[in-house]
Amino acid sequence: MRTHKLARLLTSAAVVLGVGVVAPVVTAPVASAGGYGCTGGLVDSYGINADHGVHAGKKIADVYTYWDGSQNCQVVVKRGPLAGISTRMDLTTYAMTTSRTIKDWDEDPGYFSSYAGPNWVNGAGLCVAEEVNMWDQNGTLAYQGGSYRLHNCG
């Protein structure tokens, strides 16, 4: 839900302003939901290879879906040549019926150096699908697509 993004923004603002406790930065393992702001367990993941531009054919990201018992959470984590570079990304997560009627959605567009999301959708009795768009450091569309297969239905 959108409140998670507001919390992430406020936390980032507090760090920039020097408010709060200083702690060492620790990189979470890939399967750790907490490292990306999600809760629950990993239920689906897949890699993304660029299909356009200078990085065509190279792995540029992984999509992770988590389930906490009532909500699905998704992130797209940059890999390979785009990791660490601020580029435009857009992750849209959908909660759908098996007949593909959208019941809930969340979107996280912007410029990111490590990951887009977390996106939260109500998942009880629904399936998840997502759309991912990523651009390279030159502003060229590197990937447009996502998982149009329905997954984590339940």
Foldseek 3Di string as FASTA:
>chain_A
DVVLVVVVVVVVVCVVVVHDDDDDDDQDPPQDQVNASGDAGWDDKDWDAFCDDPRHPHTFWMKTWGDDPWKIWIKIFTDDPQAQPWWWKKKKKFWAAPVRDTDDIFMFTDTDRTMTDGIMDGAVQTWMWMWMWTAHPVRHTGDTGTGPDTDPGD
